[in-house]
Protein backbone atom coordinates (compact mmCIF):
# COMPACT_ATOMS: atom_id res chain seq x y z
CA UNK A 1 0.00 0.00 0.00
CA UNK A 2 1.56 3.32 -1.02
CA UNK A 3 2.31 5.82 1.73
CA UNK A 4 0.69 9.21 1.29
CA UNK A 5 3.07 11.97 2.38
CA UNK A 6 1.65 14.77 4.49
CA UNK A 7 2.99 17.96 3.05
CA UNK A 8 3.17 21.11 5.17
CA UNK A 9 0.16 22.38 3.20
CA UNK A 10 -1.91 19.29 4.11
CA UNK A 11 -0.79 19.48 7.76
CA UNK A 12 -1.83 23.14 7.84
CA UNK A 13 -5.25 22.26 6.41
CA UNK A 14 -5.72 19.55 9.07
CA UNK A 15 -4.74 22.01 11.82
CA UNK A 16 -7.24 24.57 10.50
CA UNK A 17 -9.98 21.94 10.43
CA UNK A 18 -9.29 20.82 14.02
CA UNK A 19 -8.74 24.31 15.52
CA UNK A 20 -12.45 25.26 15.75
CA UNK A 21 -13.13 22.04 17.66
CA UNK A 22 -10.36 22.77 20.12
CA UNK A 23 -11.44 26.38 20.51
CA UNK A 24 -15.05 25.29 21.09
CA UNK A 25 -13.89 23.19 23.98
CA UNK A 26 -13.49 26.35 26.01
CA UNK A 27 -10.47 25.33 28.10
CA UNK A 28 -7.02 24.08 27.27
CA UNK A 29 -8.13 20.77 28.82
CA UNK A 30 -10.19 20.04 25.73
CA UNK A 31 -13.53 19.95 27.53
CA UNK A 32 -16.64 21.00 25.67
CA UNK A 33 -18.62 23.70 27.49
CA UNK A 34 -20.86 22.21 30.20
CA UNK A 35 -24.50 21.91 29.15
CA UNK A 36 -26.06 19.97 32.04
CA UNK A 37 -26.57 21.53 35.46
CA UNK A 38 -25.61 19.40 38.45
CA UNK A 39 -28.63 18.71 40.65
CA UNK A 40 -29.27 16.67 43.77
CA UNK A 41 -31.68 13.75 43.45
CA UNK A 42 -32.60 10.55 45.31
CA UNK A 43 -33.01 6.93 44.30
CA UNK A 44 -34.13 3.67 45.88
CA UNK A 45 -32.18 0.55 45.01
CA UNK A 46 -33.40 -2.95 45.97
CA UNK A 47 -31.27 -5.88 47.10
CA UNK A 48 -30.21 -8.33 44.40
CA UNK A 49 -31.87 -11.20 46.28
CA UNK A 50 -35.06 -11.42 48.33
CA UNK A 51 -36.91 -8.62 46.52
CA UNK A 52 -39.67 -8.75 43.88
CA UNK A 53 -38.72 -9.49 40.29
CA UNK A 54 -38.51 -6.28 38.31
CA UNK A 55 -37.10 -4.08 41.07
CA UNK A 56 -33.89 -2.19 40.26
CA UNK A 57 -30.87 -3.58 42.14
CA UNK A 58 -28.17 -1.58 40.38
CA UNK A 59 -27.32 2.06 39.84
CA UNK A 60 -26.07 3.60 36.60
CA UNK A 61 -23.93 6.67 37.30
CA UNK A 62 -23.92 7.63 33.61
CA UNK A 63 -27.70 8.13 33.57
CA UNK A 64 -28.36 8.70 37.28
CA UNK A 65 -30.95 5.91 37.36
CA UNK A 66 -31.63 2.78 39.38
CA UNK A 67 -31.47 -0.11 36.89
CA UNK A 68 -31.87 -3.90 36.63
CA UNK A 69 -28.50 -5.60 36.13
CA UNK A 70 -30.12 -9.02 35.67
CA UNK A 71 -31.61 -7.95 32.33
CA UNK A 72 -28.23 -6.70 31.09
CA UNK A 73 -28.83 -3.03 31.78
CA UNK A 74 -25.49 -1.29 32.28
CA UNK A 75 -24.71 -0.40 35.89
CA UNK A 76 -21.85 0.84 38.06
CA UNK A 77 -22.80 -0.66 41.41
CA UNK A 78 -25.37 -3.06 42.81
CA UNK A 79 -26.93 -3.38 46.27
CA UNK A 80 -27.20 -6.54 48.35
CA UNK A 81 -27.80 -7.65 51.92
CA UNK A 82 -25.42 -10.49 52.72
CA UNK A 83 -26.19 -13.66 54.70
CA UNK A 84 -25.14 -11.96 57.96
CA UNK A 85 -27.53 -9.05 57.45
CA UNK A 86 -24.94 -6.49 56.33
CA UNK A 87 -25.83 -4.04 53.56
CA UNK A 88 -23.15 -3.95 50.86
CA UNK A 89 -22.49 -2.42 47.46
CA UNK A 90 -20.78 -4.38 44.71
CA UNK A 91 -18.75 -2.48 42.13
CA UNK A 92 -19.83 -3.61 38.66
CA UNK A 93 -16.56 -5.45 38.01
CA UNK A 94 -17.29 -8.00 40.73
CA UNK A 95 -20.52 -8.92 38.94
CA UNK A 96 -19.16 -9.12 35.40
CA UNK A 97 -19.48 -5.42 34.52
CA UNK A 98 -16.89 -2.71 34.04
CA UNK A 99 -13.73 -3.01 36.12
CA UNK A 100 -13.39 0.80 36.11
CA UNK A 101 -16.56 1.51 38.11
CA UNK A 102 -15.71 2.09 41.75
CA UNK A 103 -16.16 3.86 45.07
CA UNK A 104 -14.03 6.25 47.08
CA UNK A 105 -14.95 6.63 50.75
CA UNK A 106 -14.66 10.08 52.28
CA UNK A 107 -14.92 11.65 55.71
CA UNK A 108 -16.49 14.74 54.15
CA UNK A 109 -20.21 15.35 54.37
CA UNK A 110 -22.26 15.22 51.18
CA UNK A 111 -22.33 19.02 50.94
CA UNK A 112 -18.56 19.31 51.56
CA UNK A 113 -17.65 17.08 48.60
CA UNK A 114 -17.04 19.54 45.77
CA UNK A 115 -14.80 17.69 43.30
CA UNK A 116 -14.23 14.05 42.36
CA UNK A 117 -10.65 12.78 42.60
CA UNK A 118 -9.20 10.94 39.60
CA UNK A 119 -7.59 8.01 41.43
CA UNK A 120 -7.82 5.56 44.34
CA UNK A 121 -11.30 4.19 43.63
CA UNK A 122 -12.03 0.74 45.06
CA UNK A 123 -12.98 -1.51 42.14
CA UNK A 124 -12.28 -5.00 43.47
CA UNK A 125 -14.10 -5.34 46.80
CA UNK A 126 -17.51 -4.68 48.31
CA UNK A 127 -18.39 -1.59 50.30
CA UNK A 128 -20.27 -2.00 53.59
CA UNK A 129 -22.98 0.66 53.77
CA UNK A 130 -24.71 2.24 56.74
CA UNK A 131 -26.95 5.27 57.16
CA UNK A 132 -25.12 8.59 56.56
CA UNK A 133 -22.18 6.97 54.72
CA UNK A 134 -20.80 9.26 51.99
CA UNK A 135 -18.72 8.24 49.00
CA UNK A 136 -17.71 9.36 45.54
CA UNK A 137 -18.57 7.04 42.65
CA UNK A 138 -16.87 6.62 39.30
CA UNK A 139 -18.75 5.16 36.33
CA UNK A 140 -17.60 2.90 33.56
CA UNK A 141 -16.03 4.75 30.60
CA UNK A 142 -18.59 6.01 28.11
CA UNK A 143 -18.59 8.21 25.03
CA UNK A 144 -22.19 9.34 25.69
CA UNK A 145 -22.42 13.12 25.36
CA UNK A 146 -18.69 13.36 24.50
CA UNK A 147 -17.18 14.57 21.26
CA UNK A 148 -15.24 12.09 19.16
CA UNK A 149 -12.13 14.09 20.07
CA UNK A 150 -12.50 13.29 23.79
CA UNK A 151 -13.61 9.65 23.51
CA UNK A 152 -14.84 7.39 26.33
CA UNK A 153 -14.30 8.57 29.89
CA UNK A 154 -16.03 7.95 33.25
CA UNK A 155 -18.59 10.19 34.92
CA UNK A 156 -18.42 11.03 38.63
CA UNK A 157 -20.97 11.51 41.37
CA UNK A 158 -21.24 11.94 45.12
CA UNK A 159 -23.56 9.80 47.22
CA UNK A 160 -24.99 9.79 50.73
CA UNK A 161 -26.82 6.81 52.18
CA UNK A 162 -30.10 8.17 53.57
CA UNK A 163 -31.49 4.83 54.70
CA UNK A 164 -30.74 1.14 54.69
CA UNK A 165 -34.01 -0.72 55.30
CA UNK A 166 -33.13 -4.33 56.15
CA UNK A 167 -36.79 -5.37 56.29
CA UNK A 168 -37.78 -3.96 52.89
CA UNK A 169 -34.25 -4.79 51.61
CA UNK A 170 -33.79 -1.32 50.11
CA UNK A 171 -31.14 1.36 50.00
CA UNK A 172 -32.11 5.02 49.63
CA UNK A 173 -29.36 7.35 48.43
CA UNK A 174 -29.07 11.05 47.80
CA UNK A 175 -26.76 11.80 44.89
CA UNK A 176 -25.38 14.45 42.58
CA UNK A 177 -23.84 13.32 39.29
CA UNK A 178 -21.94 15.47 36.84
CA UNK A 179 -23.25 14.35 33.44
CA UNK A 180 -20.91 16.66 31.51
CA UNK A 181 -18.17 14.85 29.63
CA UNK A 182 -14.84 15.13 31.44
CA UNK A 183 -16.07 17.31 34.31
CA UNK A 184 -15.49 16.40 37.98
CA UNK A 185 -17.13 19.37 39.75
CA UNK A 186 -19.69 18.02 42.25
CA UNK A 187 -21.54 21.14 43.34
CA UNK A 188 -25.06 22.15 42.27
CA UNK A 189 -25.41 24.31 39.17
CA UNK A 190 -23.56 24.51 35.86
CA UNK A 191 -20.06 23.08 36.42
CA UNK A 192 -16.91 24.89 35.40
CA UNK A 193 -14.44 22.01 35.65
C-alpha atoms as a PDB file:
ATOM      1  CA  UNK A   1       0.000   0.000   0.000  1.00  0.00           C
ATOM      2  CA  UNK A   2       1.563   3.322  -1.018  1.00  0.00           C
ATOM      3  CA  UNK A   3       2.311   5.823   1.728  1.00  0.00           C
ATOM      4  CA  UNK A   4       0.689   9.211   1.285  1.00  0.00           C
ATOM      5  CA  UNK A   5       3.074  11.973   2.379  1.00  0.00           C
ATOM      6  CA  UNK A   6       1.654  14.767   4.493  1.00  0.00           C
ATOM      7  CA  UNK A   7       2.994  17.961   3.047  1.00  0.00           C
ATOM      8  CA  UNK A   8       3.172  21.105   5.168  1.00  0.00           C
ATOM      9  CA  UNK A   9       0.164  22.378   3.204  1.00  0.00           C
ATOM     10  CA  UNK A  10      -1.908  19.291   4.115  1.00  0.00           C
ATOM     11  CA  UNK A  11      -0.795  19.484   7.762  1.00  0.00           C
ATOM     12  CA  UNK A  12      -1.830  23.141   7.837  1.00  0.00           C
ATOM     13  CA  UNK A  13      -5.249  22.259   6.409  1.00  0.00           C
ATOM     14  CA  UNK A  14      -5.721  19.555   9.073  1.00  0.00           C
ATOM     15  CA  UNK A  15      -4.740  22.008  11.819  1.00  0.00           C
ATOM     16  CA  UNK A  16      -7.238  24.571  10.501  1.00  0.00           C
ATOM     17  CA  UNK A  17      -9.980  21.940  10.431  1.00  0.00           C
ATOM     18  CA  UNK A  18      -9.294  20.822  14.016  1.00  0.00           C
ATOM     19  CA  UNK A  19      -8.740  24.307  15.516  1.00  0.00           C
ATOM     20  CA  UNK A  20     -12.447  25.261  15.746  1.00  0.00           C
ATOM     21  CA  UNK A  21     -13.132  22.042  17.660  1.00  0.00           C
ATOM     22  CA  UNK A  22     -10.359  22.767  20.122  1.00  0.00           C
ATOM     23  CA  UNK A  23     -11.439  26.384  20.506  1.00  0.00           C
ATOM     24  CA  UNK A  24     -15.047  25.294  21.089  1.00  0.00           C
ATOM     25  CA  UNK A  25     -13.893  23.186  23.979  1.00  0.00           C
ATOM     26  CA  UNK A  26     -13.485  26.350  26.009  1.00  0.00           C
ATOM     27  CA  UNK A  27     -10.467  25.329  28.096  1.00  0.00           C
ATOM     28  CA  UNK A  28      -7.021  24.078  27.268  1.00  0.00           C
ATOM     29  CA  UNK A  29      -8.131  20.768  28.824  1.00  0.00           C
ATOM     30  CA  UNK A  30     -10.192  20.037  25.728  1.00  0.00           C
ATOM     31  CA  UNK A  31     -13.534  19.953  27.527  1.00  0.00           C
ATOM     32  CA  UNK A  32     -16.639  20.997  25.675  1.00  0.00           C
ATOM     33  CA  UNK A  33     -18.620  23.697  27.487  1.00  0.00           C
ATOM     34  CA  UNK A  34     -20.858  22.211  30.199  1.00  0.00           C
ATOM     35  CA  UNK A  35     -24.501  21.909  29.147  1.00  0.00           C
ATOM     36  CA  UNK A  36     -26.057  19.972  32.043  1.00  0.00           C
ATOM     37  CA  UNK A  37     -26.575  21.530  35.460  1.00  0.00           C
ATOM     38  CA  UNK A  38     -25.614  19.403  38.447  1.00  0.00           C
ATOM     39  CA  UNK A  39     -28.632  18.714  40.650  1.00  0.00           C
ATOM     40  CA  UNK A  40     -29.266  16.666  43.774  1.00  0.00           C
ATOM     41  CA  UNK A  41     -31.676  13.746  43.450  1.00  0.00           C
ATOM     42  CA  UNK A  42     -32.598  10.552  45.313  1.00  0.00           C
ATOM     43  CA  UNK A  43     -33.005   6.925  44.298  1.00  0.00           C
ATOM     44  CA  UNK A  44     -34.133   3.672  45.877  1.00  0.00           C
ATOM     45  CA  UNK A  45     -32.176   0.545  45.013  1.00  0.00           C
ATOM     46  CA  UNK A  46     -33.403  -2.946  45.974  1.00  0.00           C
ATOM     47  CA  UNK A  47     -31.267  -5.880  47.098  1.00  0.00           C
ATOM     48  CA  UNK A  48     -30.210  -8.328  44.397  1.00  0.00           C
ATOM     49  CA  UNK A  49     -31.870 -11.195  46.279  1.00  0.00           C
ATOM     50  CA  UNK A  50     -35.063 -11.416  48.329  1.00  0.00           C
ATOM     51  CA  UNK A  51     -36.915  -8.619  46.521  1.00  0.00           C
ATOM     52  CA  UNK A  52     -39.668  -8.755  43.882  1.00  0.00           C
ATOM     53  CA  UNK A  53     -38.717  -9.491  40.289  1.00  0.00           C
ATOM     54  CA  UNK A  54     -38.510  -6.278  38.309  1.00  0.00           C
ATOM     55  CA  UNK A  55     -37.105  -4.080  41.066  1.00  0.00           C
ATOM     56  CA  UNK A  56     -33.889  -2.191  40.256  1.00  0.00           C
ATOM     57  CA  UNK A  57     -30.870  -3.576  42.139  1.00  0.00           C
ATOM     58  CA  UNK A  58     -28.174  -1.578  40.380  1.00  0.00           C
ATOM     59  CA  UNK A  59     -27.316   2.060  39.842  1.00  0.00           C
ATOM     60  CA  UNK A  60     -26.075   3.604  36.598  1.00  0.00           C
ATOM     61  CA  UNK A  61     -23.927   6.669  37.305  1.00  0.00           C
ATOM     62  CA  UNK A  62     -23.924   7.630  33.611  1.00  0.00           C
ATOM     63  CA  UNK A  63     -27.704   8.127  33.569  1.00  0.00           C
ATOM     64  CA  UNK A  64     -28.361   8.699  37.276  1.00  0.00           C
ATOM     65  CA  UNK A  65     -30.946   5.907  37.357  1.00  0.00           C
ATOM     66  CA  UNK A  66     -31.625   2.780  39.381  1.00  0.00           C
ATOM     67  CA  UNK A  67     -31.468  -0.115  36.895  1.00  0.00           C
ATOM     68  CA  UNK A  68     -31.868  -3.897  36.628  1.00  0.00           C
ATOM     69  CA  UNK A  69     -28.499  -5.600  36.130  1.00  0.00           C
ATOM     70  CA  UNK A  70     -30.122  -9.021  35.672  1.00  0.00           C
ATOM     71  CA  UNK A  71     -31.610  -7.951  32.330  1.00  0.00           C
ATOM     72  CA  UNK A  72     -28.232  -6.698  31.089  1.00  0.00           C
ATOM     73  CA  UNK A  73     -28.831  -3.027  31.782  1.00  0.00           C
ATOM     74  CA  UNK A  74     -25.492  -1.290  32.281  1.00  0.00           C
ATOM     75  CA  UNK A  75     -24.710  -0.398  35.894  1.00  0.00           C
ATOM     76  CA  UNK A  76     -21.851   0.840  38.056  1.00  0.00           C
ATOM     77  CA  UNK A  77     -22.796  -0.659  41.413  1.00  0.00           C
ATOM     78  CA  UNK A  78     -25.373  -3.062  42.808  1.00  0.00           C
ATOM     79  CA  UNK A  79     -26.927  -3.381  46.266  1.00  0.00           C
ATOM     80  CA  UNK A  80     -27.199  -6.539  48.346  1.00  0.00           C
ATOM     81  CA  UNK A  81     -27.799  -7.645  51.925  1.00  0.00           C
ATOM     82  CA  UNK A  82     -25.419 -10.490  52.715  1.00  0.00           C
ATOM     83  CA  UNK A  83     -26.192 -13.656  54.703  1.00  0.00           C
ATOM     84  CA  UNK A  84     -25.140 -11.962  57.963  1.00  0.00           C
ATOM     85  CA  UNK A  85     -27.532  -9.045  57.447  1.00  0.00           C
ATOM     86  CA  UNK A  86     -24.942  -6.489  56.327  1.00  0.00           C
ATOM     87  CA  UNK A  87     -25.828  -4.043  53.559  1.00  0.00           C
ATOM     88  CA  UNK A  88     -23.154  -3.947  50.855  1.00  0.00           C
ATOM     89  CA  UNK A  89     -22.493  -2.423  47.459  1.00  0.00           C
ATOM     90  CA  UNK A  90     -20.778  -4.379  44.711  1.00  0.00           C
ATOM     91  CA  UNK A  91     -18.750  -2.476  42.125  1.00  0.00           C
ATOM     92  CA  UNK A  92     -19.825  -3.610  38.660  1.00  0.00           C
ATOM     93  CA  UNK A  93     -16.556  -5.445  38.008  1.00  0.00           C
ATOM     94  CA  UNK A  94     -17.289  -7.998  40.730  1.00  0.00           C
ATOM     95  CA  UNK A  95     -20.517  -8.922  38.943  1.00  0.00           C
ATOM     96  CA  UNK A  96     -19.156  -9.118  35.401  1.00  0.00           C
ATOM     97  CA  UNK A  97     -19.484  -5.423  34.520  1.00  0.00           C
ATOM     98  CA  UNK A  98     -16.887  -2.706  34.045  1.00  0.00           C
ATOM     99  CA  UNK A  99     -13.731  -3.012  36.117  1.00  0.00           C
ATOM    100  CA  UNK A 100     -13.386   0.795  36.110  1.00  0.00           C
ATOM    101  CA  UNK A 101     -16.560   1.513  38.112  1.00  0.00           C
ATOM    102  CA  UNK A 102     -15.708   2.086  41.752  1.00  0.00           C
ATOM    103  CA  UNK A 103     -16.156   3.864  45.073  1.00  0.00           C
ATOM    104  CA  UNK A 104     -14.029   6.252  47.081  1.00  0.00           C
ATOM    105  CA  UNK A 105     -14.948   6.631  50.749  1.00  0.00           C
ATOM    106  CA  UNK A 106     -14.658  10.081  52.275  1.00  0.00           C
ATOM    107  CA  UNK A 107     -14.917  11.648  55.710  1.00  0.00           C
ATOM    108  CA  UNK A 108     -16.488  14.740  54.152  1.00  0.00           C
ATOM    109  CA  UNK A 109     -20.212  15.352  54.365  1.00  0.00           C
ATOM    110  CA  UNK A 110     -22.257  15.216  51.182  1.00  0.00           C
ATOM    111  CA  UNK A 111     -22.328  19.024  50.942  1.00  0.00           C
ATOM    112  CA  UNK A 112     -18.562  19.311  51.555  1.00  0.00           C
ATOM    113  CA  UNK A 113     -17.647  17.082  48.604  1.00  0.00           C
ATOM    114  CA  UNK A 114     -17.042  19.540  45.774  1.00  0.00           C
ATOM    115  CA  UNK A 115     -14.797  17.687  43.303  1.00  0.00           C
ATOM    116  CA  UNK A 116     -14.230  14.054  42.360  1.00  0.00           C
ATOM    117  CA  UNK A 117     -10.652  12.781  42.597  1.00  0.00           C
ATOM    118  CA  UNK A 118      -9.203  10.942  39.603  1.00  0.00           C
ATOM    119  CA  UNK A 119      -7.589   8.013  41.428  1.00  0.00           C
ATOM    120  CA  UNK A 120      -7.824   5.559  44.343  1.00  0.00           C
ATOM    121  CA  UNK A 121     -11.304   4.187  43.633  1.00  0.00           C
ATOM    122  CA  UNK A 122     -12.027   0.738  45.059  1.00  0.00           C
ATOM    123  CA  UNK A 123     -12.982  -1.506  42.141  1.00  0.00           C
ATOM    124  CA  UNK A 124     -12.283  -5.001  43.471  1.00  0.00           C
ATOM    125  CA  UNK A 125     -14.103  -5.340  46.802  1.00  0.00           C
ATOM    126  CA  UNK A 126     -17.514  -4.683  48.313  1.00  0.00           C
ATOM    127  CA  UNK A 127     -18.385  -1.593  50.301  1.00  0.00           C
ATOM    128  CA  UNK A 128     -20.269  -2.000  53.589  1.00  0.00           C
ATOM    129  CA  UNK A 129     -22.984   0.657  53.774  1.00  0.00           C
ATOM    130  CA  UNK A 130     -24.709   2.245  56.735  1.00  0.00           C
ATOM    131  CA  UNK A 131     -26.952   5.269  57.156  1.00  0.00           C
ATOM    132  CA  UNK A 132     -25.124   8.590  56.559  1.00  0.00           C
ATOM    133  CA  UNK A 133     -22.184   6.975  54.717  1.00  0.00           C
ATOM    134  CA  UNK A 134     -20.803   9.264  51.990  1.00  0.00           C
ATOM    135  CA  UNK A 135     -18.721   8.239  48.998  1.00  0.00           C
ATOM    136  CA  UNK A 136     -17.707   9.357  45.535  1.00  0.00           C
ATOM    137  CA  UNK A 137     -18.574   7.042  42.653  1.00  0.00           C
ATOM    138  CA  UNK A 138     -16.865   6.622  39.296  1.00  0.00           C
ATOM    139  CA  UNK A 139     -18.751   5.162  36.333  1.00  0.00           C
ATOM    140  CA  UNK A 140     -17.603   2.904  33.555  1.00  0.00           C
ATOM    141  CA  UNK A 141     -16.027   4.754  30.598  1.00  0.00           C
ATOM    142  CA  UNK A 142     -18.585   6.010  28.111  1.00  0.00           C
ATOM    143  CA  UNK A 143     -18.592   8.211  25.034  1.00  0.00           C
ATOM    144  CA  UNK A 144     -22.185   9.342  25.694  1.00  0.00           C
ATOM    145  CA  UNK A 145     -22.422  13.119  25.355  1.00  0.00           C
ATOM    146  CA  UNK A 146     -18.694  13.360  24.500  1.00  0.00           C
ATOM    147  CA  UNK A 147     -17.183  14.567  21.264  1.00  0.00           C
ATOM    148  CA  UNK A 148     -15.241  12.085  19.165  1.00  0.00           C
ATOM    149  CA  UNK A 149     -12.131  14.088  20.066  1.00  0.00           C
ATOM    150  CA  UNK A 150     -12.502  13.292  23.790  1.00  0.00           C
ATOM    151  CA  UNK A 151     -13.612   9.648  23.507  1.00  0.00           C
ATOM    152  CA  UNK A 152     -14.842   7.392  26.327  1.00  0.00           C
ATOM    153  CA  UNK A 153     -14.304   8.574  29.894  1.00  0.00           C
ATOM    154  CA  UNK A 154     -16.027   7.949  33.245  1.00  0.00           C
ATOM    155  CA  UNK A 155     -18.593  10.194  34.920  1.00  0.00           C
ATOM    156  CA  UNK A 156     -18.417  11.031  38.631  1.00  0.00           C
ATOM    157  CA  UNK A 157     -20.974  11.515  41.374  1.00  0.00           C
ATOM    158  CA  UNK A 158     -21.244  11.936  45.120  1.00  0.00           C
ATOM    159  CA  UNK A 159     -23.563   9.801  47.218  1.00  0.00           C
ATOM    160  CA  UNK A 160     -24.990   9.791  50.726  1.00  0.00           C
ATOM    161  CA  UNK A 161     -26.822   6.814  52.181  1.00  0.00           C
ATOM    162  CA  UNK A 162     -30.099   8.171  53.567  1.00  0.00           C
ATOM    163  CA  UNK A 163     -31.486   4.830  54.703  1.00  0.00           C
ATOM    164  CA  UNK A 164     -30.740   1.139  54.695  1.00  0.00           C
ATOM    165  CA  UNK A 165     -34.013  -0.725  55.296  1.00  0.00           C
ATOM    166  CA  UNK A 166     -33.126  -4.326  56.147  1.00  0.00           C
ATOM    167  CA  UNK A 167     -36.794  -5.366  56.293  1.00  0.00           C
ATOM    168  CA  UNK A 168     -37.778  -3.964  52.886  1.00  0.00           C
ATOM    169  CA  UNK A 169     -34.247  -4.787  51.610  1.00  0.00           C
ATOM    170  CA  UNK A 170     -33.785  -1.319  50.111  1.00  0.00           C
ATOM    171  CA  UNK A 171     -31.140   1.357  50.001  1.00  0.00           C
ATOM    172  CA  UNK A 172     -32.110   5.015  49.629  1.00  0.00           C
ATOM    173  CA  UNK A 173     -29.364   7.354  48.434  1.00  0.00           C
ATOM    174  CA  UNK A 174     -29.071  11.051  47.804  1.00  0.00           C
ATOM    175  CA  UNK A 175     -26.761  11.804  44.891  1.00  0.00           C
ATOM    176  CA  UNK A 176     -25.380  14.447  42.577  1.00  0.00           C
ATOM    177  CA  UNK A 177     -23.842  13.320  39.291  1.00  0.00           C
ATOM    178  CA  UNK A 178     -21.938  15.466  36.842  1.00  0.00           C
ATOM    179  CA  UNK A 179     -23.245  14.355  33.439  1.00  0.00           C
ATOM    180  CA  UNK A 180     -20.910  16.660  31.510  1.00  0.00           C
ATOM    181  CA  UNK A 181     -18.172  14.847  29.631  1.00  0.00           C
ATOM    182  CA  UNK A 182     -14.840  15.131  31.445  1.00  0.00           C
ATOM    183  CA  UNK A 183     -16.069  17.308  34.310  1.00  0.00           C
ATOM    184  CA  UNK A 184     -15.495  16.398  37.975  1.00  0.00           C
ATOM    185  CA  UNK A 185     -17.132  19.370  39.746  1.00  0.00           C
ATOM    186  CA  UNK A 186     -19.690  18.016  42.253  1.00  0.00           C
ATOM    187  CA  UNK A 187     -21.537  21.144  43.339  1.00  0.00           C
ATOM    188  CA  UNK A 188     -25.064  22.148  42.271  1.00  0.00           C
ATOM    189  CA  UNK A 189     -25.407  24.314  39.173  1.00  0.00           C
ATOM    190  CA  UNK A 190     -23.565  24.509  35.856  1.00  0.00           C
ATOM    191  CA  UNK A 191     -20.063  23.075  36.415  1.00  0.00           C
ATOM    192  CA  UNK A 192     -16.906  24.893  35.399  1.00  0.00           C
ATOM    193  CA  UNK A 193     -14.439  22.007  35.651  1.00  0.00           C
END
